[in-house]
């Protein structure tokens, strides 16, 4: 692939949900190219992941692509992978902070 072809490809974010039975389910998202949409995507993922880590009673967590709704009691962890990790690192930091695992 040429650099131009690589630049034209949308960047991907992959969230892998790890279940307590050992199953791993991957969900793939295109990372938006526009800054405003990147921020909206980051805010949405931050909210979902931080709520998942809080283990609220009766909390359901969902990811798209494929769309699956998880009972958070069955989720051991959420792994993130991406070709460009700067945005996702920020999502992870915000999620940890919001869930109370990291203090400023």
N, C-alpha and C. Protein backbone atom coordinates (compact mmCIF):
# COMPACT_ATOMS: atom_id res chain seq x y z
N UNK A 1 0.83 -1.19 0.00
CA UNK A 1 0.00 0.00 0.00
C UNK A 1 0.87 1.25 0.00
N UNK A 2 0.47 2.22 -0.77
CA UNK A 2 1.21 3.49 -0.79
C UNK A 2 0.80 4.33 0.41
N UNK A 3 1.60 5.35 0.71
CA UNK A 3 1.29 6.25 1.82
C UNK A 3 -0.04 6.96 1.59
N UNK A 4 -0.31 7.32 0.33
CA UNK A 4 -1.57 7.98 0.01
C UNK A 4 -2.76 7.06 0.29
N UNK A 5 -2.63 5.79 -0.04
CA UNK A 5 -3.70 4.83 0.24
C UNK A 5 -3.88 4.65 1.76
N UNK A 6 -2.77 4.61 2.48
CA UNK A 6 -2.85 4.49 3.94
C UNK A 6 -3.52 5.70 4.55
N UNK A 7 -3.19 6.90 4.04
CA UNK A 7 -3.79 8.13 4.55
C UNK A 7 -5.29 8.18 4.27
N UNK A 8 -5.73 7.56 3.17
CA UNK A 8 -7.15 7.58 2.80
C UNK A 8 -7.96 6.60 3.64
N UNK A 9 -7.30 5.57 4.18
CA UNK A 9 -7.99 4.59 5.01
C UNK A 9 -8.41 5.23 6.33
N UNK A 10 -9.65 5.00 6.77
CA UNK A 10 -10.05 5.54 8.07
C UNK A 10 -9.28 4.82 9.19
N UNK A 11 -8.89 5.60 10.19
CA UNK A 11 -8.22 4.99 11.34
C UNK A 11 -9.26 4.20 12.11
N UNK A 12 -8.82 3.11 12.70
CA UNK A 12 -9.74 2.21 13.41
C UNK A 12 -9.41 2.20 14.90
N UNK A 13 -10.46 2.10 15.69
CA UNK A 13 -10.34 1.86 17.12
C UNK A 13 -11.02 0.53 17.39
N UNK A 14 -10.35 -0.33 18.12
CA UNK A 14 -10.92 -1.64 18.44
C UNK A 14 -11.02 -1.75 19.96
N UNK A 15 -12.23 -2.01 20.43
CA UNK A 15 -12.48 -2.24 21.84
C UNK A 15 -12.80 -3.73 21.99
N UNK A 16 -12.03 -4.44 22.79
CA UNK A 16 -12.26 -5.85 23.02
C UNK A 16 -12.79 -6.02 24.43
N UNK A 17 -14.00 -6.57 24.53
CA UNK A 17 -14.62 -6.82 25.83
C UNK A 17 -14.22 -8.23 26.25
N UNK A 18 -13.65 -8.34 27.45
CA UNK A 18 -13.20 -9.62 27.98
C UNK A 18 -14.22 -10.06 29.04
N UNK A 19 -14.86 -11.20 28.77
CA UNK A 19 -15.92 -11.69 29.64
C UNK A 19 -15.36 -12.66 30.69
N UNK A 20 -16.12 -12.84 31.76
CA UNK A 20 -15.64 -13.69 32.85
C UNK A 20 -15.55 -15.17 32.47
N UNK A 21 -16.11 -15.58 31.34
CA UNK A 21 -15.96 -16.96 30.86
C UNK A 21 -14.76 -17.11 29.93
N UNK A 22 -13.97 -16.02 29.77
CA UNK A 22 -12.78 -16.06 28.93
C UNK A 22 -13.02 -15.62 27.50
N UNK A 23 -14.26 -15.47 27.11
CA UNK A 23 -14.58 -15.04 25.75
C UNK A 23 -14.13 -13.59 25.55
N UNK A 24 -13.65 -13.30 24.34
CA UNK A 24 -13.24 -11.94 23.97
C UNK A 24 -14.03 -11.55 22.73
N UNK A 25 -14.70 -10.41 22.79
CA UNK A 25 -15.51 -9.93 21.67
C UNK A 25 -14.98 -8.56 21.26
N UNK A 26 -14.57 -8.43 19.99
CA UNK A 26 -14.01 -7.17 19.50
C UNK A 26 -15.06 -6.34 18.78
N UNK A 27 -14.99 -5.04 19.00
CA UNK A 27 -15.89 -4.07 18.38
C UNK A 27 -15.02 -3.02 17.70
N UNK A 28 -15.24 -2.82 16.40
CA UNK A 28 -14.40 -1.93 15.60
C UNK A 28 -15.14 -0.65 15.24
N UNK A 29 -14.48 0.47 15.44
CA UNK A 29 -15.04 1.78 15.12
C UNK A 29 -14.08 2.52 14.20
N UNK A 30 -14.63 3.28 13.25
CA UNK A 30 -13.83 4.22 12.49
C UNK A 30 -13.61 5.45 13.36
N UNK A 31 -12.36 5.89 13.47
CA UNK A 31 -12.08 7.11 14.22
C UNK A 31 -12.37 8.29 13.31
N UNK A 32 -13.21 9.22 13.74
CA UNK A 32 -13.54 10.36 12.88
C UNK A 32 -12.29 11.17 12.51
N UNK A 33 -12.36 11.84 11.38
CA UNK A 33 -11.21 12.62 10.94
C UNK A 33 -11.30 14.08 11.40
N UNK A 34 -12.47 14.51 11.74
CA UNK A 34 -12.66 15.91 12.14
C UNK A 34 -12.56 16.04 13.67
N UNK A 35 -11.89 17.09 14.13
CA UNK A 35 -11.59 17.26 15.56
C UNK A 35 -12.84 17.26 16.43
N UNK A 36 -13.89 17.92 15.97
CA UNK A 36 -15.12 17.98 16.77
C UNK A 36 -15.71 16.58 16.94
N UNK A 37 -15.73 15.82 15.85
CA UNK A 37 -16.28 14.46 15.92
C UNK A 37 -15.38 13.54 16.73
N UNK A 38 -14.07 13.76 16.69
CA UNK A 38 -13.15 12.98 17.53
C UNK A 38 -13.47 13.23 18.99
N UNK A 39 -13.69 14.48 19.36
CA UNK A 39 -14.02 14.81 20.75
C UNK A 39 -15.34 14.18 21.17
N UNK A 40 -16.34 14.20 20.28
CA UNK A 40 -17.63 13.57 20.59
C UNK A 40 -17.47 12.07 20.77
N UNK A 41 -16.69 11.44 19.89
CA UNK A 41 -16.41 10.00 19.99
C UNK A 41 -15.70 9.70 21.31
N UNK A 42 -14.69 10.49 21.63
CA UNK A 42 -13.94 10.29 22.86
C UNK A 42 -14.83 10.44 24.09
N UNK A 43 -15.70 11.45 24.08
CA UNK A 43 -16.61 11.67 25.21
C UNK A 43 -17.57 10.49 25.38
N UNK A 44 -18.09 9.99 24.26
CA UNK A 44 -19.03 8.86 24.31
C UNK A 44 -18.36 7.60 24.86
N UNK A 45 -17.16 7.31 24.37
CA UNK A 45 -16.43 6.14 24.83
C UNK A 45 -16.00 6.30 26.29
N UNK A 46 -15.58 7.50 26.66
CA UNK A 46 -15.17 7.77 28.04
C UNK A 46 -16.33 7.51 29.00
N UNK A 47 -17.50 8.01 28.65
CA UNK A 47 -18.68 7.84 29.49
C UNK A 47 -19.01 6.36 29.66
N UNK A 48 -19.01 5.61 28.57
CA UNK A 48 -19.38 4.21 28.63
C UNK A 48 -18.35 3.40 29.41
N UNK A 49 -17.07 3.61 29.14
CA UNK A 49 -16.04 2.82 29.81
C UNK A 49 -15.95 3.18 31.29
N UNK A 50 -16.03 4.47 31.62
CA UNK A 50 -15.94 4.85 33.03
C UNK A 50 -17.14 4.32 33.81
N UNK A 51 -18.33 4.36 33.22
CA UNK A 51 -19.50 3.78 33.89
C UNK A 51 -19.34 2.28 34.08
N UNK A 52 -18.72 1.62 33.11
CA UNK A 52 -18.49 0.18 33.22
C UNK A 52 -17.55 -0.14 34.37
N UNK A 53 -16.52 0.67 34.54
CA UNK A 53 -15.54 0.42 35.59
C UNK A 53 -16.10 0.70 36.97
N UNK A 54 -17.14 1.51 37.07
CA UNK A 54 -17.73 1.81 38.37
C UNK A 54 -18.55 0.63 38.89
N UNK A 55 -18.89 -0.29 38.00
CA UNK A 55 -19.66 -1.48 38.37
C UNK A 55 -20.96 -1.09 39.09
N UNK A 56 -21.68 -0.15 38.52
CA UNK A 56 -22.95 0.25 39.10
C UNK A 56 -23.94 -0.90 39.05
N UNK A 57 -24.81 -0.96 40.04
CA UNK A 57 -25.80 -2.02 40.07
C UNK A 57 -26.71 -1.93 38.84
N UNK A 58 -26.94 -3.07 38.22
CA UNK A 58 -27.82 -3.19 37.05
C UNK A 58 -27.35 -2.35 35.86
N UNK A 59 -26.09 -2.03 35.77
CA UNK A 59 -25.58 -1.25 34.65
C UNK A 59 -25.37 -2.15 33.44
N UNK A 60 -25.87 -1.72 32.30
CA UNK A 60 -25.63 -2.43 31.05
C UNK A 60 -24.66 -1.62 30.22
N UNK A 61 -23.74 -2.30 29.60
CA UNK A 61 -22.72 -1.66 28.78
C UNK A 61 -22.91 -2.16 27.35
N UNK A 62 -22.85 -1.28 26.38
CA UNK A 62 -23.04 -1.72 25.01
C UNK A 62 -21.94 -1.16 24.13
N UNK A 63 -21.59 -1.96 23.15
CA UNK A 63 -20.66 -1.56 22.10
C UNK A 63 -21.31 -1.90 20.76
N UNK A 64 -20.95 -1.14 19.76
CA UNK A 64 -21.47 -1.37 18.40
C UNK A 64 -20.44 -2.13 17.58
N UNK A 65 -20.85 -2.57 16.42
CA UNK A 65 -20.00 -3.18 15.40
C UNK A 65 -19.31 -4.46 15.88
N UNK A 66 -19.92 -5.50 16.27
CA UNK A 66 -21.36 -5.74 16.31
C UNK A 66 -21.97 -5.15 17.59
N UNK A 67 -23.26 -4.83 17.48
CA UNK A 67 -23.99 -4.25 18.61
C UNK A 67 -24.30 -5.36 19.61
N UNK A 68 -23.70 -5.23 20.80
CA UNK A 68 -23.94 -6.19 21.87
C UNK A 68 -24.09 -5.40 23.17
N UNK A 69 -25.09 -5.78 23.95
CA UNK A 69 -25.32 -5.18 25.25
C UNK A 69 -24.82 -6.19 26.30
N UNK A 70 -23.92 -5.74 27.17
CA UNK A 70 -23.33 -6.62 28.17
C UNK A 70 -23.87 -6.30 29.55
N UNK A 71 -24.12 -7.34 30.34
CA UNK A 71 -24.35 -7.17 31.77
C UNK A 71 -22.97 -6.97 32.36
N UNK A 72 -22.74 -5.84 32.99
CA UNK A 72 -21.40 -5.48 33.43
C UNK A 72 -20.84 -6.47 34.46
N UNK A 73 -21.72 -7.21 35.14
CA UNK A 73 -21.26 -8.23 36.10
C UNK A 73 -20.48 -9.34 35.40
N UNK A 74 -20.67 -9.49 34.08
CA UNK A 74 -19.98 -10.54 33.32
C UNK A 74 -18.74 -10.04 32.60
N UNK A 75 -18.39 -8.76 32.77
CA UNK A 75 -17.25 -8.17 32.07
C UNK A 75 -16.06 -8.08 33.01
N UNK A 76 -14.93 -8.69 32.60
CA UNK A 76 -13.69 -8.59 33.38
C UNK A 76 -12.88 -7.36 33.00
N UNK A 77 -12.94 -6.99 31.73
CA UNK A 77 -12.14 -5.85 31.29
C UNK A 77 -12.49 -5.43 29.88
N UNK A 78 -11.96 -4.26 29.53
CA UNK A 78 -12.13 -3.72 28.18
C UNK A 78 -10.75 -3.32 27.69
N UNK A 79 -10.33 -3.94 26.60
CA UNK A 79 -9.02 -3.67 26.02
C UNK A 79 -9.20 -2.76 24.82
N UNK A 80 -8.28 -1.83 24.63
CA UNK A 80 -8.36 -0.95 23.47
C UNK A 80 -7.13 -1.12 22.60
N UNK A 81 -7.35 -1.11 21.30
CA UNK A 81 -6.27 -1.18 20.32
C UNK A 81 -6.63 -0.23 19.19
N UNK A 82 -5.62 0.40 18.65
CA UNK A 82 -5.86 1.30 17.53
C UNK A 82 -4.56 1.53 16.77
N UNK A 83 -4.70 1.99 15.54
CA UNK A 83 -3.51 2.34 14.76
C UNK A 83 -2.93 3.66 15.24
N UNK A 84 -3.77 4.55 15.69
CA UNK A 84 -3.36 5.85 16.23
C UNK A 84 -3.85 5.91 17.67
N UNK A 85 -2.97 5.76 18.63
CA UNK A 85 -3.42 5.59 20.00
C UNK A 85 -3.52 6.88 20.81
N UNK A 86 -3.13 8.01 20.29
CA UNK A 86 -3.17 9.26 21.05
C UNK A 86 -4.57 9.56 21.58
N UNK A 87 -5.58 9.49 20.71
CA UNK A 87 -6.94 9.78 21.14
C UNK A 87 -7.43 8.75 22.16
N UNK A 88 -7.11 7.47 21.92
CA UNK A 88 -7.57 6.44 22.84
C UNK A 88 -6.87 6.52 24.19
N UNK A 89 -5.62 6.91 24.19
CA UNK A 89 -4.93 7.10 25.47
C UNK A 89 -5.63 8.18 26.28
N UNK A 90 -6.09 9.21 25.62
CA UNK A 90 -6.83 10.27 26.31
C UNK A 90 -8.16 9.75 26.84
N UNK A 91 -8.86 8.91 26.07
CA UNK A 91 -10.11 8.31 26.52
C UNK A 91 -9.85 7.47 27.77
N UNK A 92 -8.80 6.68 27.74
CA UNK A 92 -8.50 5.81 28.88
C UNK A 92 -8.19 6.65 30.11
N UNK A 93 -7.38 7.68 29.96
CA UNK A 93 -7.04 8.54 31.10
C UNK A 93 -8.30 9.19 31.68
N UNK A 94 -9.15 9.72 30.80
CA UNK A 94 -10.39 10.35 31.27
C UNK A 94 -11.29 9.33 31.96
N UNK A 95 -11.36 8.12 31.42
CA UNK A 95 -12.21 7.08 32.01
C UNK A 95 -11.72 6.71 33.40
N UNK A 96 -10.42 6.51 33.54
CA UNK A 96 -9.85 6.17 34.86
C UNK A 96 -10.11 7.29 35.86
N UNK A 97 -9.92 8.52 35.41
CA UNK A 97 -10.14 9.67 36.29
C UNK A 97 -11.60 9.74 36.71
N UNK A 98 -12.51 9.62 35.75
CA UNK A 98 -13.93 9.72 36.02
C UNK A 98 -14.42 8.59 36.92
N UNK A 99 -13.85 7.40 36.77
CA UNK A 99 -14.24 6.26 37.59
C UNK A 99 -13.61 6.32 38.99
N UNK A 100 -12.69 7.25 39.19
CA UNK A 100 -12.07 7.42 40.50
C UNK A 100 -10.80 6.62 40.71
N UNK A 101 -10.25 6.01 39.65
CA UNK A 101 -9.02 5.26 39.79
C UNK A 101 -7.77 6.14 39.75
N UNK A 102 -7.89 7.34 39.19
CA UNK A 102 -6.76 8.26 39.07
C UNK A 102 -7.19 9.60 39.60
N UNK A 103 -6.36 10.20 40.42
CA UNK A 103 -6.63 11.54 40.94
C UNK A 103 -5.75 12.53 40.20
N UNK A 104 -6.24 13.74 40.02
CA UNK A 104 -5.43 14.79 39.35
C UNK A 104 -4.33 15.26 40.26
